[in-house]
Amino acid sequence: MQKFHVYIIYGLLVLLFGLFFLYQPQNKQADINYDEVLIEQEDGENLRMMIPDSRAKLFALPEKIDFAGENVPLEIEEVRERYEREIYVNAYWQSNMILLMKRSAKYLPTIERILKEHNIPEDFKYLAIAESGLLHVTSSAGAKGFWQFMPATAKEYDLEVSNDVDERYHLEKSTHAACRYIKAAYARFGSWTSVAASYNMGMGGLSRRKIDQRQSNYYDLLLNDETSRYVFRVLAFKEIFENPEKFGFNLKAEDFYKLPLTREVKVDQNINDLAEWAIQHNSSYKDLKILNPWLRSGKLKTARGKDYLIQLPV
């Protein structure tokens, strides 16, 4: 290789790493570890270059945590290991976590407000994140919405489920229903941690495990893998959401998604064509469906004496 070719290659390498350093936020430089690389040149001189350390980072986890004011016994090695598992699984799934954080600004304020109305600890907002990722998903078993209600449970807690309307997709009504479940479970178990576990496996299922194993504390129970991880997944979301910079998530206010300004239209009569109705109200079928995911068909049939509030863009 010609000597000038070597200089060109070294020059390009220097330029590349120079650009990398240039575009790093100045206030974050001290947090980055670098490896020193020594390149021997043909003329006998050595070229030293600093390359950012790409090794995975270990997180300093808190020595004490709680769920809804109830202590998590991290001094038990097995409990701490389960907690760490969910921290690393979620913190290093960066694309999912970034989208969760951005999406949370649209929905968590409403969930927080309703939890407060029912005197339920705010930590339960992380259940909605664990259940659905704040998306209107459907489970393989048929549970739907942010709070993942099954049809029978939804009706038990006063949510309408029909061909035209499915209030499991209604943020406010489904959150009120979730609160009614949470309060009923707390009356049964007397522990917010047990309430969270029962949200995953059902009150009956958790009660049977407690009776069979003669244990009352969630952390002393041997449960199926999903429920065993469930509360710790909720705890991981709490830790990461409340300390995002610690885990490398540095979102600014303008990075978060926002709900559009809306107006309410009260409806107490049948709507045979929602697309035409939306146009008549200076909107579109697309906006109608995005803002009202609980409308499940192209029409709306109302029962006698019942009305609905439909959200439309301002």
C-alpha atoms as a PDB file:
ATOM      1  CA  MET A   1       0.000   0.000   0.000  1.00  0.00           C
ATOM      2  CA  GLN A   2       1.297   3.455  -0.889  1.00  0.00           C
ATOM      3  CA  LYS A   3       2.284   5.601   2.064  1.00  0.00           C
ATOM      4  CA  PHE A   4      -0.080   8.410   1.087  1.00  0.00           C
ATOM      5  CA  HIS A   5      -2.944   5.879   1.089  1.00  0.00           C
ATOM      6  CA  VAL A   6      -2.188   5.144   4.740  1.00  0.00           C
ATOM      7  CA  TYR A   7      -2.295   8.853   5.557  1.00  0.00           C
ATOM      8  CA  ILE A   8      -5.645   9.171   3.762  1.00  0.00           C
ATOM      9  CA  ILE A   9      -7.102   6.280   5.760  1.00  0.00           C
ATOM     10  CA  TYR A  10      -5.809   7.718   9.046  1.00  0.00           C
ATOM     11  CA  GLY A  11      -7.096  11.113   8.061  1.00  0.00           C
ATOM     12  CA  LEU A  12     -10.561   9.716   7.399  1.00  0.00           C
ATOM     13  CA  LEU A  13     -10.557   7.878  10.724  1.00  0.00           C
ATOM     14  CA  VAL A  14      -9.584  11.033  12.586  1.00  0.00           C
ATOM     15  CA  LEU A  15     -12.317  12.977  10.755  1.00  0.00           C
ATOM     16  CA  LEU A  16     -14.914  10.304  11.535  1.00  0.00           C
ATOM     17  CA  PHE A  17     -14.213  10.246  15.246  1.00  0.00           C
ATOM     18  CA  GLY A  18     -13.864  14.009  15.313  1.00  0.00           C
ATOM     19  CA  LEU A  19     -17.387  14.333  13.930  1.00  0.00           C
ATOM     20  CA  PHE A  20     -18.619  11.802  16.496  1.00  0.00           C
ATOM     21  CA  PHE A  21     -17.212  13.837  19.370  1.00  0.00           C
ATOM     22  CA  LEU A  22     -18.455  17.089  17.860  1.00  0.00           C
ATOM     23  CA  TYR A  23     -22.072  15.961  17.807  1.00  0.00           C
ATOM     24  CA  GLN A  24     -22.127  14.555  21.325  1.00  0.00           C
ATOM     25  CA  PRO A  25     -23.978  16.758  23.867  1.00  0.00           C
ATOM     26  CA  GLN A  26     -21.266  18.588  25.759  1.00  0.00           C
ATOM     27  CA  ASN A  27     -22.837  18.023  29.140  1.00  0.00           C
ATOM     28  CA  LYS A  28     -22.872  14.238  28.597  1.00  0.00           C
ATOM     29  CA  GLN A  29     -19.212  13.771  27.707  1.00  0.00           C
ATOM     30  CA  ALA A  30     -18.200  13.013  31.269  1.00  0.00           C
ATOM     31  CA  ASP A  31     -20.679  10.132  31.446  1.00  0.00           C
ATOM     32  CA  ILE A  32     -19.104   8.272  28.503  1.00  0.00           C
ATOM     33  CA  ASN A  33     -16.242   5.816  28.981  1.00  0.00           C
ATOM     34  CA  TYR A  34     -13.619   5.556  26.256  1.00  0.00           C
ATOM     35  CA  ASP A  35     -11.108   2.901  25.183  1.00  0.00           C
ATOM     36  CA  GLU A  36      -7.699   4.006  23.942  1.00  0.00           C
ATOM     37  CA  VAL A  37      -6.553   2.497  20.636  1.00  0.00           C
ATOM     38  CA  LEU A  38      -2.892   2.673  19.552  1.00  0.00           C
ATOM     39  CA  ILE A  39      -2.199   2.566  15.770  1.00  0.00           C
ATOM     40  CA  GLU A  40       1.401   2.006  14.654  1.00  0.00           C
ATOM     41  CA  GLN A  41       2.296   4.006  11.534  1.00  0.00           C
ATOM     42  CA  GLU A  42       4.904   3.119   8.911  1.00  0.00           C
ATOM     43  CA  ASP A  43       7.084   6.055   9.898  1.00  0.00           C
ATOM     44  CA  GLY A  44       7.401   4.637  13.423  1.00  0.00           C
ATOM     45  CA  GLU A  45       5.119   7.173  15.087  1.00  0.00           C
ATOM     46  CA  ASN A  46       2.094   5.983  17.010  1.00  0.00           C
ATOM     47  CA  LEU A  47      -1.405   7.397  16.576  1.00  0.00           C
ATOM     48  CA  ARG A  48      -3.564   7.359  19.701  1.00  0.00           C
ATOM     49  CA  MET A  49      -7.354   7.390  19.306  1.00  0.00           C
ATOM     50  CA  MET A  50     -10.135   7.325  21.913  1.00  0.00           C
ATOM     51  CA  ILE A  51     -13.155   5.177  21.008  1.00  0.00           C
ATOM     52  CA  PRO A  52     -16.403   5.249  23.059  1.00  0.00           C
ATOM     53  CA  ASP A  53     -16.917   2.141  25.182  1.00  0.00           C
ATOM     54  CA  SER A  54     -19.884   0.233  23.749  1.00  0.00           C
ATOM     55  CA  ARG A  55     -20.146  -2.288  26.569  1.00  0.00           C
ATOM     56  CA  ALA A  56     -23.525  -2.728  28.229  1.00  0.00           C
ATOM     57  CA  LYS A  57     -24.014  -0.643  31.354  1.00  0.00           C
ATOM     58  CA  LEU A  58     -24.862  -2.046  34.771  1.00  0.00           C
ATOM     59  CA  PHE A  59     -27.426   0.028  36.623  1.00  0.00           C
ATOM     60  CA  ALA A  60     -27.137   1.055  40.253  1.00  0.00           C
ATOM     61  CA  LEU A  61     -30.448  -0.188  41.611  1.00  0.00           C
ATOM     62  CA  PRO A  62     -32.076   1.308  44.706  1.00  0.00           C
ATOM     63  CA  GLU A  63     -31.598  -0.445  48.021  1.00  0.00           C
ATOM     64  CA  LYS A  64     -35.207   0.190  48.997  1.00  0.00           C
ATOM     65  CA  ILE A  65     -38.355   0.281  46.856  1.00  0.00           C
ATOM     66  CA  ASP A  66     -42.077   0.034  47.457  1.00  0.00           C
ATOM     67  CA  PHE A  67     -45.320  -0.534  45.603  1.00  0.00           C
ATOM     68  CA  ALA A  68     -48.161   1.715  46.746  1.00  0.00           C
ATOM     69  CA  GLY A  69     -46.321   2.261  50.022  1.00  0.00           C
ATOM     70  CA  GLU A  70     -45.757  -1.465  50.658  1.00  0.00           C
ATOM     71  CA  ASN A  71     -42.114  -2.486  51.014  1.00  0.00           C
ATOM     72  CA  VAL A  72     -40.509  -4.818  48.486  1.00  0.00           C
ATOM     73  CA  PRO A  73     -38.099  -7.186  50.336  1.00  0.00           C
ATOM     74  CA  LEU A  74     -35.033  -6.675  48.145  1.00  0.00           C
ATOM     75  CA  GLU A  75     -32.891  -8.123  50.927  1.00  0.00           C
ATOM     76  CA  ILE A  76     -34.174 -11.521  49.746  1.00  0.00           C
ATOM     77  CA  GLU A  77     -31.786 -12.497  46.961  1.00  0.00           C
ATOM     78  CA  GLU A  78     -34.436 -14.238  44.848  1.00  0.00           C
ATOM     79  CA  VAL A  79     -36.713 -11.181  45.037  1.00  0.00           C
ATOM     80  CA  ARG A  80     -33.905  -8.825  44.042  1.00  0.00           C
ATOM     81  CA  GLU A  81     -33.002 -11.059  41.099  1.00  0.00           C
ATOM     82  CA  ARG A  82     -36.589 -11.031  39.812  1.00  0.00           C
ATOM     83  CA  TYR A  83     -36.663  -7.253  40.109  1.00  0.00           C
ATOM     84  CA  GLU A  84     -33.343  -6.857  38.274  1.00  0.00           C
ATOM     85  CA  ARG A  85     -34.547  -9.108  35.474  1.00  0.00           C
ATOM     86  CA  GLU A  86     -37.450  -6.791  34.679  1.00  0.00           C
ATOM     87  CA  ILE A  87     -35.282  -3.674  34.990  1.00  0.00           C
ATOM     88  CA  TYR A  88     -32.767  -4.925  32.416  1.00  0.00           C
ATOM     89  CA  VAL A  89     -35.362  -6.457  30.084  1.00  0.00           C
ATOM     90  CA  ASN A  90     -37.277  -3.183  29.881  1.00  0.00           C
ATOM     91  CA  ALA A  91     -34.425  -0.656  30.149  1.00  0.00           C
ATOM     92  CA  TYR A  92     -32.539  -2.311  27.283  1.00  0.00           C
ATOM     93  CA  TRP A  93     -35.630  -2.592  25.087  1.00  0.00           C
ATOM     94  CA  GLN A  94     -35.010   1.067  24.302  1.00  0.00           C
ATOM     95  CA  SER A  95     -37.329   1.454  21.314  1.00  0.00           C
ATOM     96  CA  ASN A  96     -40.318   0.167  23.278  1.00  0.00           C
ATOM     97  CA  MET A  97     -39.479   2.229  26.368  1.00  0.00           C
ATOM     98  CA  ILE A  98     -39.042   5.460  24.399  1.00  0.00           C
ATOM     99  CA  LEU A  99     -42.428   4.991  22.725  1.00  0.00           C
ATOM    100  CA  LEU A 100     -44.048   4.136  26.066  1.00  0.00           C
ATOM    101  CA  MET A 101     -42.699   7.329  27.595  1.00  0.00           C
ATOM    102  CA  LYS A 102     -43.751   9.466  24.641  1.00  0.00           C
ATOM    103  CA  ARG A 103     -47.216   7.861  24.619  1.00  0.00           C
ATOM    104  CA  SER A 104     -47.692   8.147  28.370  1.00  0.00           C
ATOM    105  CA  ALA A 105     -48.159  11.921  28.204  1.00  0.00           C
ATOM    106  CA  LYS A 106     -51.401  11.384  26.289  1.00  0.00           C
ATOM    107  CA  TYR A 107     -53.056   9.037  28.750  1.00  0.00           C
ATOM    108  CA  LEU A 108     -51.432   8.938  32.198  1.00  0.00           C
ATOM    109  CA  PRO A 109     -52.818  12.326  33.335  1.00  0.00           C
ATOM    110  CA  THR A 110     -56.366  10.998  32.863  1.00  0.00           C
ATOM    111  CA  ILE A 111     -55.530   7.731  34.615  1.00  0.00           C
ATOM    112  CA  GLU A 112     -53.852   9.580  37.494  1.00  0.00           C
ATOM    113  CA  ARG A 113     -56.883  11.834  37.935  1.00  0.00           C
ATOM    114  CA  ILE A 114     -59.327   8.923  38.080  1.00  0.00           C
ATOM    115  CA  LEU A 115     -57.146   6.923  40.484  1.00  0.00           C
ATOM    116  CA  LYS A 116     -57.095   9.952  42.766  1.00  0.00           C
ATOM    117  CA  GLU A 117     -60.886  10.260  42.583  1.00  0.00           C
ATOM    118  CA  HIS A 118     -61.142   6.679  43.852  1.00  0.00           C
ATOM    119  CA  ASN A 119     -58.423   7.129  46.530  1.00  0.00           C
ATOM    120  CA  ILE A 120     -56.261   4.471  44.893  1.00  0.00           C
ATOM    121  CA  PRO A 121     -52.437   4.773  45.008  1.00  0.00           C
ATOM    122  CA  GLU A 122     -50.972   6.351  41.892  1.00  0.00           C
ATOM    123  CA  ASP A 123     -48.606   3.411  41.399  1.00  0.00           C
ATOM    124  CA  PHE A 124     -51.529   1.526  39.837  1.00  0.00           C
ATOM    125  CA  LYS A 125     -51.105   3.593  36.685  1.00  0.00           C
ATOM    126  CA  TYR A 126     -48.156   1.337  35.907  1.00  0.00           C
ATOM    127  CA  LEU A 127     -50.548  -1.620  35.739  1.00  0.00           C
ATOM    128  CA  ALA A 128     -52.094  -0.103  32.617  1.00  0.00           C
ATOM    129  CA  ILE A 129     -48.615   0.115  31.089  1.00  0.00           C
ATOM    130  CA  ALA A 130     -47.833  -3.497  32.031  1.00  0.00           C
ATOM    131  CA  GLU A 131     -51.207  -4.683  30.732  1.00  0.00           C
ATOM    132  CA  SER A 132     -51.291  -3.004  27.336  1.00  0.00           C
ATOM    133  CA  GLY A 133     -48.410  -0.604  26.793  1.00  0.00           C
ATOM    134  CA  LEU A 134     -51.146   2.073  26.628  1.00  0.00           C
ATOM    135  CA  LEU A 135     -52.355   0.596  23.343  1.00  0.00           C
ATOM    136  CA  HIS A 136     -55.782  -0.771  22.499  1.00  0.00           C
ATOM    137  CA  VAL A 137     -54.548  -4.319  22.177  1.00  0.00           C
ATOM    138  CA  THR A 138     -56.396  -7.636  22.216  1.00  0.00           C
ATOM    139  CA  SER A 139     -54.925 -10.615  24.066  1.00  0.00           C
ATOM    140  CA  SER A 140     -55.050 -14.179  22.788  1.00  0.00           C
ATOM    141  CA  ALA A 141     -57.725 -14.857  25.425  1.00  0.00           C
ATOM    142  CA  GLY A 142     -59.913 -11.972  24.221  1.00  0.00           C
ATOM    143  CA  ALA A 143     -59.078  -9.319  26.838  1.00  0.00           C
ATOM    144  CA  LYS A 144     -59.159  -5.821  25.336  1.00  0.00           C
ATOM    145  CA  GLY A 145     -58.296  -2.207  25.979  1.00  0.00           C
ATOM    146  CA  PHE A 146     -55.775  -0.430  28.181  1.00  0.00           C
ATOM    147  CA  TRP A 147     -56.904  -2.416  31.232  1.00  0.00           C
ATOM    148  CA  GLN A 148     -57.376  -5.742  29.401  1.00  0.00           C
ATOM    149  CA  PHE A 149     -60.870  -6.654  30.538  1.00  0.00           C
ATOM    150  CA  MET A 150     -62.468  -9.915  29.450  1.00  0.00           C
ATOM    151  CA  PRO A 151     -66.072  -9.481  28.200  1.00  0.00           C
ATOM    152  CA  ALA A 152     -67.736 -10.983  31.284  1.00  0.00           C
ATOM    153  CA  THR A 153     -65.559  -9.004  33.723  1.00  0.00           C
ATOM    154  CA  ALA A 154     -66.170  -5.803  31.760  1.00  0.00           C
ATOM    155  CA  LYS A 155     -69.944  -6.222  32.086  1.00  0.00           C
ATOM    156  CA  GLU A 156     -69.563  -7.098  35.777  1.00  0.00           C
ATOM    157  CA  TYR A 157     -67.917  -3.710  36.280  1.00  0.00           C
ATOM    158  CA  ASP A 158     -70.538  -1.793  34.275  1.00  0.00           C
ATOM    159  CA  LEU A 159     -68.837  -1.534  30.879  1.00  0.00           C
ATOM    160  CA  GLU A 160     -70.974  -1.925  27.780  1.00  0.00           C
ATOM    161  CA  VAL A 161     -69.785  -4.570  25.315  1.00  0.00           C
ATOM    162  CA  SER A 162     -71.826  -4.898  22.114  1.00  0.00           C
ATOM    163  CA  ASN A 163     -71.397  -4.956  18.354  1.00  0.00           C
ATOM    164  CA  ASP A 164     -71.459  -1.155  18.132  1.00  0.00           C
ATOM    165  CA  VAL A 165     -69.948  -0.163  21.479  1.00  0.00           C
ATOM    166  CA  ASP A 166     -67.107  -1.664  23.488  1.00  0.00           C
ATOM    167  CA  GLU A 167     -66.299   0.492  26.486  1.00  0.00           C
ATOM    168  CA  ARG A 168     -63.194  -1.535  27.263  1.00  0.00           C
ATOM    169  CA  TYR A 169     -61.669   0.836  24.687  1.00  0.00           C
ATOM    170  CA  HIS A 170     -63.021   3.920  26.498  1.00  0.00           C
ATOM    171  CA  LEU A 171     -60.131   5.354  28.520  1.00  0.00           C
ATOM    172  CA  GLU A 172     -62.159   7.062  31.245  1.00  0.00           C
ATOM    173  CA  LYS A 173     -64.899   4.445  31.649  1.00  0.00           C
ATOM    174  CA  SER A 174     -62.480   1.511  31.608  1.00  0.00           C
ATOM    175  CA  THR A 175     -60.245   3.236  34.164  1.00  0.00           C
ATOM    176  CA  HIS A 176     -63.250   3.758  36.456  1.00  0.00           C
ATOM    177  CA  ALA A 177     -64.049   0.058  36.014  1.00  0.00           C
ATOM    178  CA  ALA A 178     -60.453  -0.892  36.832  1.00  0.00           C
ATOM    179  CA  CYS A 179     -60.702   1.213  39.984  1.00  0.00           C
ATOM    180  CA  ARG A 180     -63.857  -0.642  41.030  1.00  0.00           C
ATOM    181  CA  TYR A 181     -62.010  -3.929  40.580  1.00  0.00           C
ATOM    182  CA  ILE A 182     -58.992  -2.658  42.527  1.00  0.00           C
ATOM    183  CA  LYS A 183     -61.139  -1.536  45.451  1.00  0.00           C
ATOM    184  CA  ALA A 184     -63.006  -4.861  45.515  1.00  0.00           C
ATOM    185  CA  ALA A 185     -59.705  -6.759  45.486  1.00  0.00           C
ATOM    186  CA  TYR A 186     -58.279  -4.579  48.262  1.00  0.00           C
ATOM    187  CA  ALA A 187     -61.354  -5.253  50.397  1.00  0.00           C
ATOM    188  CA  ARG A 188     -60.641  -8.961  49.908  1.00  0.00           C
ATOM    189  CA  PHE A 189     -56.855  -9.059  50.379  1.00  0.00           C
ATOM    190  CA  GLY A 190     -55.982  -5.926  52.363  1.00  0.00           C
ATOM    191  CA  SER A 191     -52.732  -5.589  50.397  1.00  0.00           C
ATOM    192  CA  TRP A 192     -52.097  -3.415  47.336  1.00  0.00           C
ATOM    193  CA  THR A 193     -49.375  -5.811  46.174  1.00  0.00           C
ATOM    194  CA  SER A 194     -51.815  -8.724  46.269  1.00  0.00           C
ATOM    195  CA  VAL A 195     -54.334  -6.581  44.405  1.00  0.00           C
ATOM    196  CA  ALA A 196     -51.797  -6.042  41.617  1.00  0.00           C
ATOM    197  CA  ALA A 197     -51.032  -9.763  41.434  1.00  0.00           C
ATOM    198  CA  SER A 198     -54.749 -10.598  41.366  1.00  0.00           C
ATOM    199  CA  TYR A 199     -55.215  -8.229  38.434  1.00  0.00           C
ATOM    200  CA  ASN A 200     -53.055 -10.621  36.453  1.00  0.00           C
ATOM    201  CA  MET A 201     -54.366 -13.997  37.646  1.00  0.00           C
ATOM    202  CA  GLY A 202     -57.770 -13.121  39.125  1.00  0.00           C
ATOM    203  CA  MET A 203     -58.922 -12.833  42.726  1.00  0.00           C
ATOM    204  CA  GLY A 204     -60.008 -16.459  42.850  1.00  0.00           C
ATOM    205  CA  GLY A 205     -56.734 -17.742  41.478  1.00  0.00           C
ATOM    206  CA  LEU A 206     -54.624 -15.770  43.941  1.00  0.00           C
ATOM    207  CA  SER A 207     -56.851 -16.765  46.870  1.00  0.00           C
ATOM    208  CA  ARG A 208     -56.445 -20.454  46.011  1.00  0.00           C
ATOM    209  CA  ARG A 209     -52.641 -20.128  45.861  1.00  0.00           C
ATOM    210  CA  LYS A 210     -52.602 -18.403  49.256  1.00  0.00           C
ATOM    211  CA  ILE A 211     -54.767 -21.115  50.792  1.00  0.00           C
ATOM    212  CA  ASP A 212     -52.881 -24.019  49.179  1.00  0.00           C
ATOM    213  CA  GLN A 213     -49.442 -22.659  50.126  1.00  0.00           C
ATOM    214  CA  ARG A 214     -50.544 -21.266  53.509  1.00  0.00           C
ATOM    215  CA  GLN A 215     -48.938 -17.923  52.734  1.00  0.00           C
ATOM    216  CA  SER A 216     -50.501 -14.470  52.583  1.00  0.00           C
ATOM    217  CA  ASN A 217     -47.597 -12.391  51.228  1.00  0.00           C
ATOM    218  CA  TYR A 218     -47.140 -12.173  47.441  1.00  0.00           C
ATOM    219  CA  TYR A 219     -43.360 -12.450  47.788  1.00  0.00           C
ATOM    220  CA  ASP A 220     -43.692 -15.760  49.675  1.00  0.00           C
ATOM    221  CA  LEU A 221     -45.868 -17.425  47.015  1.00  0.00           C
ATOM    222  CA  LEU A 222     -44.782 -19.751  44.229  1.00  0.00           C
ATOM    223  CA  LEU A 223     -46.848 -18.605  41.240  1.00  0.00           C
ATOM    224  CA  ASN A 224     -46.951 -19.178  37.501  1.00  0.00           C
ATOM    225  CA  ASP A 225     -44.201 -17.438  35.547  1.00  0.00           C
ATOM    226  CA  GLU A 226     -46.447 -14.647  34.243  1.00  0.00           C
ATOM    227  CA  THR A 227     -47.814 -13.602  37.636  1.00  0.00           C
ATOM    228  CA  SER A 228     -44.439 -14.165  39.266  1.00  0.00           C
ATOM    229  CA  ARG A 229     -42.969 -11.551  36.919  1.00  0.00           C
ATOM    230  CA  TYR A 230     -46.021  -9.276  36.798  1.00  0.00           C
ATOM    231  CA  VAL A 231     -45.574  -7.165  39.926  1.00  0.00           C
ATOM    232  CA  PHE A 232     -41.856  -6.836  39.213  1.00  0.00           C
ATOM    233  CA  ARG A 233     -42.602  -5.624  35.692  1.00  0.00           C
ATOM    234  CA  VAL A 234     -44.853  -2.968  37.235  1.00  0.00           C
ATOM    235  CA  LEU A 235     -42.068  -2.047  39.676  1.00  0.00           C
ATOM    236  CA  ALA A 236     -39.566  -1.807  36.812  1.00  0.00           C
ATOM    237  CA  PHE A 237     -41.806   0.597  34.915  1.00  0.00           C
ATOM    238  CA  LYS A 238     -42.141   2.694  38.061  1.00  0.00           C
ATOM    239  CA  GLU A 239     -38.369   2.880  38.577  1.00  0.00           C
ATOM    240  CA  ILE A 240     -37.573   3.678  34.931  1.00  0.00           C
ATOM    241  CA  PHE A 241     -40.378   6.214  34.481  1.00  0.00           C
ATOM    242  CA  GLU A 242     -39.484   8.040  37.680  1.00  0.00           C
ATOM    243  CA  ASN A 243     -35.723   8.035  36.988  1.00  0.00           C
ATOM    244  CA  PRO A 244     -35.440   8.107  33.182  1.00  0.00           C
ATOM    245  CA  GLU A 245     -32.025   9.809  32.955  1.00  0.00           C
ATOM    246  CA  LYS A 246     -30.505   7.122  35.165  1.00  0.00           C
ATOM    247  CA  PHE A 247     -31.377   4.581  32.464  1.00  0.00           C
ATOM    248  CA  GLY A 248     -30.319   6.725  29.514  1.00  0.00           C
ATOM    249  CA  PHE A 249     -33.707   8.166  28.532  1.00  0.00           C
ATOM    250  CA  ASN A 250     -33.415  11.934  28.135  1.00  0.00           C
ATOM    251  CA  LEU A 251     -36.716  13.064  26.655  1.00  0.00           C
ATOM    252  CA  LYS A 252     -37.559  16.752  26.471  1.00  0.00           C
ATOM    253  CA  ALA A 253     -41.035  18.229  26.893  1.00  0.00           C
ATOM    254  CA  GLU A 254     -41.491  18.571  23.141  1.00  0.00           C
ATOM    255  CA  ASP A 255     -40.690  14.875  22.617  1.00  0.00           C
ATOM    256  CA  PHE A 256     -43.901  13.633  24.246  1.00  0.00           C
ATOM    257  CA  TYR A 257     -47.071  12.924  22.278  1.00  0.00           C
ATOM    258  CA  LYS A 258     -50.111  15.064  22.997  1.00  0.00           C
ATOM    259  CA  LEU A 259     -53.833  14.593  22.633  1.00  0.00           C
ATOM    260  CA  PRO A 260     -55.557  17.100  20.346  1.00  0.00           C
ATOM    261  CA  LEU A 261     -58.038  19.595  21.721  1.00  0.00           C
ATOM    262  CA  THR A 262     -61.500  18.094  21.508  1.00  0.00           C
ATOM    263  CA  ARG A 263     -65.156  18.987  21.856  1.00  0.00           C
ATOM    264  CA  GLU A 264     -67.959  16.743  23.081  1.00  0.00           C
ATOM    265  CA  VAL A 265     -71.125  15.976  21.165  1.00  0.00           C
ATOM    266  CA  LYS A 266     -73.938  14.330  23.109  1.00  0.00           C
ATOM    267  CA  VAL A 267     -75.783  11.631  21.184  1.00  0.00           C
ATOM    268  CA  ASP A 268     -79.061  10.039  22.329  1.00  0.00           C
ATOM    269  CA  GLN A 269     -80.391   8.805  18.988  1.00  0.00           C
ATOM    270  CA  ASN A 270     -79.297   6.136  16.546  1.00  0.00           C
ATOM    271  CA  ILE A 271     -76.599   7.027  14.006  1.00  0.00           C
ATOM    272  CA  ASN A 272     -76.936   4.873  10.887  1.00  0.00           C
ATOM    273  CA  ASP A 273     -73.744   6.119   9.205  1.00  0.00           C
ATOM    274  CA  LEU A 274     -70.913   7.389  11.394  1.00  0.00           C
ATOM    275  CA  ALA A 275     -68.889   8.587   8.393  1.00  0.00           C
ATOM    276  CA  GLU A 276     -71.721  10.840   7.216  1.00  0.00           C
ATOM    277  CA  TRP A 277     -72.439  11.950  10.798  1.00  0.00           C
ATOM    278  CA  ALA A 278     -68.776  12.954  11.265  1.00  0.00           C
ATOM    279  CA  ILE A 279     -68.826  15.052   8.091  1.00  0.00           C
ATOM    280  CA  GLN A 280     -72.019  16.783   9.242  1.00  0.00           C
ATOM    281  CA  HIS A 281     -70.137  17.735  12.417  1.00  0.00           C
ATOM    282  CA  ASN A 282     -67.138  19.177  10.556  1.00  0.00           C
ATOM    283  CA  SER A 283     -64.946  16.178  11.177  1.00  0.00           C
ATOM    284  CA  SER A 284     -63.989  12.896   9.497  1.00  0.00           C
ATOM    285  CA  TYR A 285     -64.543   9.197  10.057  1.00  0.00           C
ATOM    286  CA  LYS A 286     -60.815   8.793  10.730  1.00  0.00           C
ATOM    287  CA  ASP A 287     -60.738  11.423  13.505  1.00  0.00           C
ATOM    288  CA  LEU A 288     -63.984  10.069  14.946  1.00  0.00           C
ATOM    289  CA  LYS A 289     -62.554   6.560  15.236  1.00  0.00           C
ATOM    290  CA  ILE A 290     -59.153   7.660  16.577  1.00  0.00           C
ATOM    291  CA  LEU A 291     -60.708   9.790  19.311  1.00  0.00           C
ATOM    292  CA  ASN A 292     -63.484   7.284  20.106  1.00  0.00           C
ATOM    293  CA  PRO A 293     -61.999   3.783  19.775  1.00  0.00           C
ATOM    294  CA  TRP A 294     -64.956   2.421  21.764  1.00  0.00           C
ATOM    295  CA  LEU A 295     -67.128   2.894  18.640  1.00  0.00           C
ATOM    296  CA  ARG A 296     -66.597  -0.507  17.055  1.00  0.00           C
ATOM    297  CA  SER A 297     -68.697  -0.411  13.887  1.00  0.00           C
ATOM    298  CA  GLY A 298     -69.853   2.054  11.246  1.00  0.00           C
ATOM    299  CA  LYS A 299     -73.034   2.887  13.146  1.00  0.00           C
ATOM    300  CA  LEU A 300     -74.308   3.519  16.660  1.00  0.00           C
ATOM    301  CA  LYS A 301     -77.506   2.136  18.099  1.00  0.00           C
ATOM    302  CA  THR A 302     -78.626   3.786  21.327  1.00  0.00           C
ATOM    303  CA  ALA A 303     -80.897   2.204  23.903  1.00  0.00           C
ATOM    304  CA  ARG A 304     -83.926   4.112  25.190  1.00  0.00           C
ATOM    305  CA  GLY A 305     -82.871   6.654  27.803  1.00  0.00           C
ATOM    306  CA  LYS A 306     -79.153   6.194  27.166  1.00  0.00           C
ATOM    307  CA  ASP A 307     -76.762   8.707  25.661  1.00  0.00           C
ATOM    308  CA  TYR A 308     -73.089   8.840  24.654  1.00  0.00           C
ATOM    309  CA  LEU A 309     -70.497  11.605  24.567  1.00  0.00           C
ATOM    310  CA  ILE A 310     -68.508  11.532  21.344  1.00  0.00           C
ATOM    311  CA  GLN A 311     -65.192  13.385  21.112  1.00  0.00           C
ATOM    312  CA  LEU A 312     -64.397  15.379  17.969  1.00  0.00           C
ATOM    313  CA  PRO A 313     -61.458  17.677  17.186  1.00  0.00           C
ATOM    314  CA  VAL A 314     -61.890  21.355  17.954  1.00  0.00           C
END
